[in-house]
Amino acid sequence: MLRVQIGHAKEQKHAINCVHCREPIEFSLKLDQKNPSISFAVVDNCERIEPTEEATPYYVSSDIAVDSARLHDPLYFPSLQTMQYLMQHPNGRQMFRDAQRPNSQVVSEIWDDVQKIWRLQNSGKYAVANQLMAQFCARNGISEVVLREVLYWFNGGLFAIDKSIDREVVEIMRSNRDECLRFLNYYHFNLRPHHRRSLFEIYSRYFEAFSEFSQVLMYARIDVPLPDGFRVTSTKFSMVRRFYADAYEFFASFVAIYACLNNIKDGRRFDEFKNIGLSKYLTTDKAKRRDAFADNKLFLEASAEFDNDIRNASFHDWFFLLPDNETIEFRPGGTGVTQTVSYSQYLYRCTALFRQIVSLFSVTLRFDEVINSTSLVTSPTFQKTLRERTERHARLLSAAGLGSSSTRALHSERGAGGGGGGGQRQAENFIKALGRLHRQVQ
């Protein structure tokens, strides 16, 4: 006898195990939120029958973890307990405010819009993307119609922005302007292109399996662990089995940003570590890359979910869900000592790792804001082309019998970002951009 908690999405998908034979059962609900109605559908390995007194009650929710001991209690109503818990928790009240916003939507529905805009931008369909983005921004009160602001707004709605990390990054950037400009140049042309492609894939995979992750998202959003003895009720392991490994692989590369910023904070060039250079760092053991900023408490805490054993076991295909449908058994590297983690904890840790990715992504979106405000970051290829064009024009002027003053004027005209007044104005814009960020994070 299914006792299904009605959620806020348009569709709920559930996967449970039969309480007798342990075979998987899948079913779904289609919900009309505007004209309240429910359509129940069997999906796999089950059929509807008339109620019987012998039926075992089974509570199922897409949004709430439950007390394992009361999973089959017909008088158990965990949604009431959850609401009371949220109202008593300082961060929990934010979720009620989210629900009261005008035109509020569930996260997965907002993602559908964001994903489409992001995908169209990636494929170069700017006209269509900009039209959809303008509608999206108007609907959600986003003042600047650019993808950077859409993504920053979405990230902040998904998880609270960590202001302490923002403040740390701004202070580092203000402490050494020239070195930070070198770093921004390197980031923009060497790290950003790959990171953005990978980020789109990680986000897409998370929301493809959102029916699983949504069961623990509430706890991850308010940054508290699952209560002891609690478990999720829907289990579709195949949807999430590789997520941690894939997210870990990306994050191990992504944390190079923290490492470079920490180098600047310690008074070194961004690409110089204590004993090695950046190119060597990027080839080191992924499990030890956080060691590069071990003395930075904020960066270390912002990357705390980083379990190489789970990554190795999943990557090497020694990662299995046991018949109890709640215990994952794994061996790091496929040959290490056998370990276990509950399915519920695994979902929570996947979401915690995703949250760290979202947080660092938001930091890099602010990099984009500074870059776009100053125009100080210029492609090395473009710089070379500009220099060759200037020299070619100078030769033509000389051949035409024009004086060196014209040549100097041409160099001056094209010299913005180098020395002179143009460079000075760009430097002033950089300081102003950092000032705006500083005020935003206070």
Protein backbone atom coordinates (compact mmCIF):
# COMPACT_ATOMS: atom_id res chain seq x y z
CA MET A 1 0.00 0.00 0.00
CA LEU A 2 1.77 3.12 -1.24
CA ARG A 3 1.57 6.28 0.84
CA VAL A 4 2.99 8.85 -1.57
CA GLN A 5 3.86 12.36 -0.42
CA ILE A 6 2.62 14.82 -3.02
CA GLY A 7 5.35 17.25 -4.04
CA HIS A 8 5.49 20.45 -6.08
CA ALA A 9 6.80 19.21 -9.44
CA LYS A 10 4.78 18.33 -12.51
CA GLU A 11 5.89 14.71 -12.33
CA GLN A 12 7.22 12.42 -9.59
CA LYS A 13 9.12 9.26 -10.45
CA HIS A 14 9.74 6.63 -7.80
CA ALA A 15 11.64 3.34 -7.59
CA ILE A 16 11.28 1.05 -4.56
CA ASN A 17 11.89 -2.61 -3.76
CA CYS A 18 9.08 -5.03 -3.00
CA VAL A 19 8.97 -5.59 0.77
CA HIS A 20 8.74 -9.37 0.22
CA CYS A 21 10.83 -10.43 -2.79
CA ARG A 22 13.04 -7.30 -3.03
CA GLU A 23 12.37 -6.95 -6.76
CA PRO A 24 12.42 -3.33 -8.03
CA ILE A 25 9.12 -1.56 -8.60
CA GLU A 26 8.74 1.71 -10.49
CA PHE A 27 5.74 4.05 -10.65
CA SER A 28 5.06 7.73 -11.25
CA LEU A 29 2.59 10.52 -10.56
CA LYS A 30 1.70 13.31 -12.95
CA LEU A 31 0.54 16.38 -11.03
CA ASP A 32 -1.47 19.33 -12.26
CA GLN A 33 -0.41 22.01 -9.78
CA LYS A 34 -2.71 24.76 -11.13
CA ASN A 35 -5.87 22.65 -11.28
CA PRO A 36 -5.13 20.18 -8.49
CA SER A 37 -5.35 16.65 -9.85
CA ILE A 38 -3.23 13.50 -9.73
CA SER A 39 -2.65 10.81 -12.34
CA PHE A 40 -1.02 7.61 -11.08
CA ALA A 41 0.86 5.33 -13.49
CA VAL A 42 2.59 1.99 -13.03
CA VAL A 43 5.92 1.95 -14.87
CA ASP A 44 7.69 -1.36 -14.27
CA ASN A 45 7.15 -4.65 -12.47
CA CYS A 46 3.87 -3.77 -10.75
CA GLU A 47 0.12 -3.38 -11.31
CA ARG A 48 -2.78 -1.76 -9.50
CA ILE A 49 -5.04 -3.97 -7.36
CA GLU A 50 -7.93 -3.44 -4.97
CA PRO A 51 -6.90 -2.54 -1.39
CA THR A 52 -6.47 -5.42 1.04
CA GLU A 53 -5.93 -5.49 4.81
CA GLU A 54 -2.79 -7.58 4.31
CA ALA A 55 -1.04 -4.88 2.28
CA THR A 56 2.14 -3.47 3.84
CA PRO A 57 2.14 0.36 4.03
CA TYR A 58 5.12 1.97 2.29
CA TYR A 59 5.78 5.71 2.62
CA VAL A 60 7.43 7.34 -0.41
CA SER A 61 8.55 10.95 -0.96
CA SER A 62 10.64 12.75 -3.57
CA ASP A 63 11.51 15.59 -1.17
CA ILE A 64 11.81 14.15 2.34
CA ALA A 65 14.07 11.57 3.98
CA VAL A 66 12.30 9.39 6.55
CA ASP A 67 12.95 7.52 9.78
CA SER A 68 13.85 3.98 8.66
CA ALA A 69 12.09 2.46 11.67
CA ARG A 70 8.76 4.04 10.65
CA LEU A 71 8.84 3.49 6.90
CA HIS A 72 5.86 1.09 7.11
CA ASP A 73 3.92 2.89 9.84
CA PRO A 74 0.49 3.92 8.45
CA LEU A 75 0.26 6.80 10.96
CA TYR A 76 3.69 8.26 10.19
CA PHE A 77 3.59 11.73 8.61
CA PRO A 78 7.21 12.90 8.18
CA SER A 79 6.22 16.01 6.20
CA LEU A 80 4.79 17.54 9.39
CA GLN A 81 7.98 16.80 11.31
CA THR A 82 10.05 18.22 8.46
CA MET A 83 8.13 21.51 8.44
CA GLN A 84 8.57 21.86 12.19
CA TYR A 85 12.30 21.15 11.84
CA LEU A 86 12.71 23.76 9.10
CA MET A 87 10.86 26.43 11.04
CA GLN A 88 13.19 25.90 14.02
CA HIS A 89 16.37 25.95 11.91
CA PRO A 90 17.87 29.39 11.10
CA ASN A 91 18.66 28.44 7.51
CA GLY A 92 15.43 26.47 7.09
CA ARG A 93 13.28 29.58 7.11
CA GLN A 94 14.87 30.68 3.86
CA MET A 95 13.15 27.77 2.13
CA PHE A 96 9.74 29.04 3.20
CA ARG A 97 10.59 32.47 1.83
CA ASP A 98 11.63 30.86 -1.45
CA ALA A 99 8.25 29.19 -1.72
CA GLN A 100 6.42 32.47 -1.11
CA ARG A 101 8.13 34.35 -3.94
CA PRO A 102 5.91 35.45 -6.85
CA ASN A 103 6.00 33.08 -9.81
CA SER A 104 7.93 30.56 -7.72
CA GLN A 105 8.86 27.34 -9.51
CA VAL A 106 10.53 24.15 -8.40
CA VAL A 107 14.25 23.94 -9.06
CA SER A 108 13.99 21.31 -11.79
CA GLU A 109 11.57 23.44 -13.82
CA ILE A 110 13.79 26.52 -13.55
CA TRP A 111 16.73 24.38 -14.66
CA ASP A 112 14.85 23.40 -17.83
CA ASP A 113 14.80 27.08 -18.83
CA VAL A 114 18.39 27.76 -17.76
CA GLN A 115 19.68 24.66 -19.52
CA LYS A 116 18.01 25.64 -22.78
CA ILE A 117 19.48 29.17 -22.69
CA TRP A 118 22.93 27.81 -21.78
CA ARG A 119 22.80 25.10 -24.49
CA LEU A 120 21.74 27.58 -27.18
CA GLN A 121 24.59 29.92 -26.18
CA ASN A 122 27.06 27.02 -26.35
CA SER A 123 25.88 26.12 -29.86
CA GLY A 124 26.12 29.71 -31.08
CA LYS A 125 22.36 30.25 -31.45
CA TYR A 126 22.63 33.68 -29.87
CA ALA A 127 19.50 35.27 -31.33
CA VAL A 128 17.18 32.58 -29.95
CA ALA A 129 19.14 32.34 -26.68
CA ASN A 130 18.97 36.10 -26.12
CA GLN A 131 15.24 36.19 -26.77
CA LEU A 132 14.59 33.41 -24.25
CA MET A 133 17.05 34.99 -21.80
CA ALA A 134 15.30 38.37 -21.95
CA GLN A 135 11.98 36.68 -21.10
CA PHE A 136 13.60 34.67 -18.31
CA CYS A 137 15.30 37.72 -16.78
CA ALA A 138 12.11 39.78 -16.90
CA ARG A 139 10.18 36.97 -15.23
CA ASN A 140 12.71 36.54 -12.45
CA GLY A 141 13.82 40.13 -11.83
CA ILE A 142 17.36 39.78 -13.23
CA SER A 143 18.49 43.26 -14.25
CA GLU A 144 21.35 42.43 -16.64
CA VAL A 145 20.38 40.17 -19.55
CA VAL A 146 23.56 38.11 -19.91
CA LEU A 147 24.20 34.41 -19.34
CA ARG A 148 26.68 35.19 -16.56
CA GLU A 149 23.96 36.83 -14.45
CA VAL A 150 21.40 34.12 -15.24
CA LEU A 151 23.79 31.43 -14.02
CA TYR A 152 24.80 33.41 -10.93
CA TRP A 153 21.12 33.97 -10.07
CA PHE A 154 20.34 30.27 -10.54
CA ASN A 155 23.32 29.18 -8.43
CA GLY A 156 22.30 31.52 -5.61
CA GLY A 157 18.76 30.15 -5.64
CA LEU A 158 19.98 26.56 -5.58
CA PHE A 159 22.44 27.04 -2.72
CA ALA A 160 23.19 30.09 -0.59
CA ILE A 161 26.27 31.95 -1.89
CA ASP A 162 29.19 31.64 0.54
CA LYS A 163 30.03 35.30 1.23
CA SER A 164 33.17 34.39 3.16
CA ILE A 165 34.69 32.81 0.04
CA ASP A 166 33.66 35.82 -2.04
CA ARG A 167 35.31 38.17 0.44
CA GLU A 168 38.51 36.10 0.48
CA VAL A 169 38.75 36.12 -3.31
CA VAL A 170 38.10 39.87 -3.57
CA GLU A 171 40.75 40.64 -0.94
CA ILE A 172 43.30 38.49 -2.78
CA MET A 173 42.53 40.27 -6.04
CA ARG A 174 42.84 43.68 -4.40
CA SER A 175 46.15 42.77 -2.74
CA ASN A 176 48.11 42.21 -5.96
CA ARG A 177 46.44 43.71 -9.01
CA ASP A 178 49.16 42.91 -11.55
CA GLU A 179 49.48 39.25 -10.56
CA CYS A 180 45.72 38.83 -10.49
CA LEU A 181 45.54 40.22 -14.03
CA ARG A 182 48.09 37.62 -15.12
CA PHE A 183 45.96 34.96 -13.46
CA LEU A 184 42.72 36.22 -15.04
CA ASN A 185 44.38 36.17 -18.44
CA TYR A 186 45.52 32.57 -17.91
CA TYR A 187 42.15 31.53 -16.51
CA HIS A 188 40.15 33.12 -19.32
CA PHE A 189 42.07 31.49 -22.18
CA ASN A 190 43.37 28.24 -20.64
CA LEU A 191 40.92 27.08 -17.97
CA ARG A 192 37.56 28.70 -18.67
CA PRO A 193 36.73 27.07 -22.06
CA HIS A 194 37.19 23.52 -20.75
CA HIS A 195 35.58 24.27 -17.40
CA ARG A 196 32.42 25.70 -18.97
CA ARG A 197 31.88 22.66 -21.19
CA SER A 198 32.39 20.33 -18.24
CA LEU A 199 30.16 22.42 -15.96
CA PHE A 200 27.28 22.18 -18.42
CA GLU A 201 27.66 18.38 -18.43
CA ILE A 202 27.87 18.10 -14.63
CA TYR A 203 24.77 20.27 -14.14
CA SER A 204 22.87 18.30 -16.78
CA ARG A 205 23.72 14.96 -15.17
CA TYR A 206 22.71 16.19 -11.73
CA PHE A 207 19.29 17.28 -12.94
CA GLU A 208 18.79 14.18 -15.09
CA ALA A 209 18.87 12.27 -11.80
CA PHE A 210 17.10 14.99 -9.81
CA SER A 211 14.30 12.62 -8.72
CA GLU A 212 16.97 10.86 -6.62
CA PHE A 213 19.02 13.84 -5.45
CA SER A 214 15.94 15.91 -4.54
CA GLN A 215 15.34 13.55 -1.60
CA VAL A 216 18.39 14.96 0.21
CA LEU A 217 18.57 18.43 -1.34
CA MET A 218 16.69 20.08 1.53
CA TYR A 219 19.37 19.04 4.03
CA ALA A 220 22.23 20.00 1.71
CA ARG A 221 20.67 23.43 1.09
CA ILE A 222 20.62 24.26 4.80
CA ASP A 223 24.02 22.60 5.27
CA VAL A 224 23.08 19.95 7.84
CA PRO A 225 23.70 16.18 7.65
CA LEU A 226 20.89 13.69 7.36
CA PRO A 227 19.49 12.85 10.82
CA ASP A 228 20.66 9.55 12.30
CA GLY A 229 18.54 6.62 11.20
CA PHE A 230 16.99 8.49 8.27
CA ARG A 231 16.96 7.20 4.72
CA VAL A 232 15.56 8.09 1.32
CA THR A 233 12.58 6.14 0.05
CA SER A 234 13.15 6.03 -3.69
CA THR A 235 16.19 4.18 -5.03
CA LYS A 236 17.34 4.09 -8.64
CA PHE A 237 21.04 3.41 -8.31
CA SER A 238 21.76 3.21 -12.05
CA MET A 239 20.92 6.92 -12.44
CA VAL A 240 23.51 8.11 -9.91
CA ARG A 241 26.16 5.39 -9.82
CA ARG A 242 28.80 7.32 -11.76
CA PHE A 243 27.90 10.83 -10.65
CA TYR A 244 30.37 11.13 -7.77
CA ALA A 245 33.26 9.82 -9.86
CA ASP A 246 32.53 12.19 -12.74
CA ALA A 247 32.00 15.20 -10.45
CA TYR A 248 35.18 14.34 -8.51
CA GLU A 249 37.24 14.16 -11.70
CA PHE A 250 36.06 17.60 -12.74
CA PHE A 251 36.39 19.18 -9.29
CA ALA A 252 39.95 17.88 -8.94
CA SER A 253 40.76 20.04 -11.95
CA PHE A 254 38.51 22.93 -10.90
CA VAL A 255 40.26 23.42 -7.53
CA ALA A 256 43.33 24.66 -9.41
CA ILE A 257 41.59 28.04 -9.17
CA TYR A 258 41.76 27.93 -5.36
CA ALA A 259 45.38 26.82 -5.59
CA CYS A 260 46.35 29.71 -7.91
CA LEU A 261 44.58 32.28 -5.76
CA ASN A 262 46.29 30.92 -2.68
CA ASN A 263 49.68 31.25 -4.38
CA ILE A 264 48.95 34.95 -4.89
CA LYS A 265 47.83 35.31 -1.27
CA ASP A 266 51.12 33.75 -0.13
CA GLY A 267 53.08 36.33 -2.14
CA ARG A 268 54.06 34.12 -5.08
CA ARG A 269 53.15 34.26 -8.73
CA PHE A 270 49.85 32.51 -9.41
CA ASP A 271 51.58 29.65 -11.28
CA GLU A 272 54.35 29.09 -8.72
CA PHE A 273 53.76 26.66 -5.87
CA LYS A 274 56.18 26.05 -3.00
CA ASN A 275 58.12 23.39 -4.86
CA ILE A 276 56.65 23.03 -8.36
CA GLY A 277 55.07 25.03 -11.18
CA LEU A 278 51.45 25.04 -12.31
CA SER A 279 51.97 22.70 -15.27
CA LYS A 280 53.45 20.07 -12.92
CA TYR A 281 50.68 20.66 -10.35
CA LEU A 282 48.03 19.88 -12.97
CA THR A 283 49.58 16.43 -13.51
CA THR A 284 49.94 15.49 -9.83
CA ASP A 285 47.83 12.95 -7.95
CA LYS A 286 44.27 14.33 -7.91
CA ALA A 287 43.69 13.12 -4.35
CA LYS A 288 46.48 15.44 -3.08
CA ARG A 289 45.68 18.62 -5.00
CA ARG A 290 43.97 20.22 -2.00
CA ASP A 291 47.31 20.03 -0.18
CA ALA A 292 48.42 23.07 -2.20
CA PHE A 293 46.10 25.30 -0.14
CA ALA A 294 46.08 23.32 3.10
CA ASP A 295 46.95 26.47 5.06
CA ASN A 296 43.86 28.31 3.74
CA LYS A 297 40.98 27.29 6.02
CA LEU A 298 38.26 28.82 3.85
CA PHE A 299 39.40 27.14 0.62
CA LEU A 300 39.93 23.85 2.45
CA GLU A 301 36.40 23.89 3.90
CA ALA A 302 34.97 24.88 0.51
CA SER A 303 36.39 21.66 -0.96
CA ALA A 304 35.91 19.31 2.01
CA GLU A 305 33.78 16.72 0.18
CA PHE A 306 36.52 15.00 -1.79
CA ASP A 307 36.57 11.21 -1.27
CA ASN A 308 39.11 9.50 -3.49
CA ASP A 309 38.04 6.02 -2.31
CA ILE A 310 34.47 6.45 -3.58
CA ARG A 311 35.77 7.98 -6.81
CA ASN A 312 38.19 5.09 -7.41
CA ALA A 313 35.65 2.39 -6.65
CA SER A 314 33.05 3.87 -8.97
CA PHE A 315 35.62 4.63 -11.68
CA HIS A 316 36.95 1.06 -11.59
CA ASP A 317 33.46 -0.47 -11.53
CA TRP A 318 33.59 -1.95 -8.00
CA PHE A 319 30.57 -0.09 -6.68
CA PHE A 320 27.38 -2.08 -6.00
CA LEU A 321 24.02 -1.65 -4.30
CA LEU A 322 23.25 -4.61 -2.02
CA PRO A 323 19.84 -6.37 -1.97
CA ASP A 324 18.67 -4.30 1.03
CA ASN A 325 18.43 -1.41 -1.46
CA GLU A 326 20.15 0.92 1.03
CA THR A 327 23.79 -0.24 1.35
CA ILE A 328 26.47 0.43 -1.26
CA GLU A 329 29.50 -1.84 -1.13
CA PHE A 330 32.73 -0.69 -2.79
CA ARG A 331 36.44 -1.36 -3.09
CA PRO A 332 38.75 1.56 -3.91
CA GLY A 333 40.51 0.88 -7.20
CA GLY A 334 38.70 -2.45 -7.42
CA THR A 335 41.28 -4.14 -5.21
CA GLY A 336 41.22 -2.22 -1.91
CA VAL A 337 39.57 -3.13 1.37
CA THR A 338 35.79 -3.52 1.07
CA GLN A 339 33.87 -0.53 2.47
CA THR A 340 30.22 0.46 2.69
CA VAL A 341 28.20 3.66 2.56
CA SER A 342 24.43 4.00 2.74
CA TYR A 343 22.64 4.94 -0.45
CA SER A 344 21.13 7.92 1.34
CA GLN A 345 24.55 9.16 2.47
CA TYR A 346 25.91 8.63 -1.02
CA LEU A 347 23.18 10.87 -2.47
CA TYR A 348 23.95 13.48 0.19
CA ARG A 349 27.69 13.39 -0.53
CA CYS A 350 27.06 13.67 -4.29
CA THR A 351 24.95 16.75 -3.59
CA ALA A 352 27.59 18.18 -1.21
CA LEU A 353 30.22 17.75 -3.95
CA PHE A 354 27.87 19.37 -6.48
CA ARG A 355 27.34 22.26 -4.07
CA GLN A 356 31.11 22.85 -3.92
CA ILE A 357 31.22 22.93 -7.72
CA VAL A 358 28.32 25.42 -7.79
CA SER A 359 30.07 27.62 -5.21
CA LEU A 360 33.37 27.77 -7.12
CA PHE A 361 31.49 28.29 -10.40
CA SER A 362 29.88 31.37 -8.86
CA VAL A 363 33.36 32.69 -8.01
CA THR A 364 34.46 32.29 -11.64
CA LEU A 365 31.33 34.08 -12.84
CA ARG A 366 32.56 37.09 -10.86
CA PHE A 367 35.90 36.72 -12.65
CA ASP A 368 33.96 37.16 -15.89
CA GLU A 369 32.39 40.32 -14.50
CA VAL A 370 35.80 41.82 -13.74
CA ILE A 371 37.21 40.74 -17.11
CA ASN A 372 34.30 42.23 -19.03
CA SER A 373 34.48 45.46 -17.00
CA THR A 374 38.16 46.11 -17.67
CA SER A 375 39.01 44.56 -21.05
CA LEU A 376 42.49 44.08 -19.64
CA VAL A 377 42.52 40.40 -20.49
CA THR A 378 43.45 40.10 -24.15
CA SER A 379 44.11 36.96 -26.16
CA PRO A 380 47.83 36.43 -26.79
CA THR A 381 46.97 35.62 -30.42
CA PHE A 382 45.06 38.89 -30.72
CA GLN A 383 47.94 40.80 -29.14
CA LYS A 384 50.37 39.29 -31.68
CA THR A 385 48.05 40.11 -34.60
CA LEU A 386 47.57 43.67 -33.35
CA ARG A 387 51.31 44.19 -32.99
CA GLU A 388 52.02 42.86 -36.50
CA ARG A 389 49.28 45.05 -37.98
CA THR A 390 50.69 48.14 -36.21
CA GLU A 391 54.19 47.43 -37.47
CA ARG A 392 52.91 46.85 -41.02
CA HIS A 393 51.03 50.15 -40.96
CA ALA A 394 54.15 51.90 -39.65
CA ARG A 395 56.20 50.58 -42.58
CA LEU A 396 53.55 51.77 -45.05
CA LEU A 397 53.55 55.23 -43.47
CA SER A 398 57.32 55.36 -43.63
CA ALA A 399 57.32 54.28 -47.29
CA ALA A 400 54.80 57.04 -48.02
CA GLY A 401 57.19 59.59 -46.59
CA LEU A 402 55.14 60.35 -43.50
CA GLY A 403 57.04 61.32 -40.37
CA SER A 404 57.66 59.26 -37.23
CA SER A 405 55.11 61.39 -35.37
CA SER A 406 52.35 59.67 -37.36
CA THR A 407 53.83 56.31 -36.46
CA ARG A 408 53.91 57.25 -32.78
CA ALA A 409 50.29 58.41 -33.02
CA LEU A 410 49.29 55.10 -34.53
CA HIS A 411 51.05 53.19 -31.76
CA SER A 412 49.39 55.41 -29.17
CA GLU A 413 45.96 54.84 -30.72
CA ARG A 414 46.37 51.07 -30.63
CA GLY A 415 48.20 50.91 -27.30
CA ALA A 416 45.26 50.64 -24.89
CA GLY A 417 45.96 47.96 -22.32
CA GLY A 418 49.71 48.46 -22.61
CA GLY A 419 51.19 51.69 -21.30
CA GLY A 420 49.97 55.26 -21.49
CA GLY A 421 46.53 56.70 -20.91
CA GLY A 422 44.64 53.70 -22.28
CA GLY A 423 46.33 51.33 -19.85
CA GLN A 424 45.75 53.76 -17.01
CA ARG A 425 42.05 53.96 -17.76
CA GLN A 426 41.84 50.15 -17.90
CA ALA A 427 43.60 49.89 -14.55
CA GLU A 428 41.14 52.35 -13.07
CA ASN A 429 38.26 50.27 -14.44
CA PHE A 430 39.76 47.19 -12.81
CA ILE A 431 39.85 48.92 -9.43
CA LYS A 432 36.25 50.09 -9.89
CA ALA A 433 35.13 46.55 -10.79
CA LEU A 434 36.79 45.16 -7.66
CA GLY A 435 35.16 47.93 -5.63
CA ARG A 436 31.72 46.89 -6.87
CA LEU A 437 32.41 43.27 -5.96
CA HIS A 438 33.74 44.31 -2.55
CA ARG A 439 30.50 46.16 -1.78
CA GLN A 440 28.41 43.22 -2.97
CA VAL A 441 30.09 40.68 -0.70
CA GLN A 442 30.08 42.76 2.49
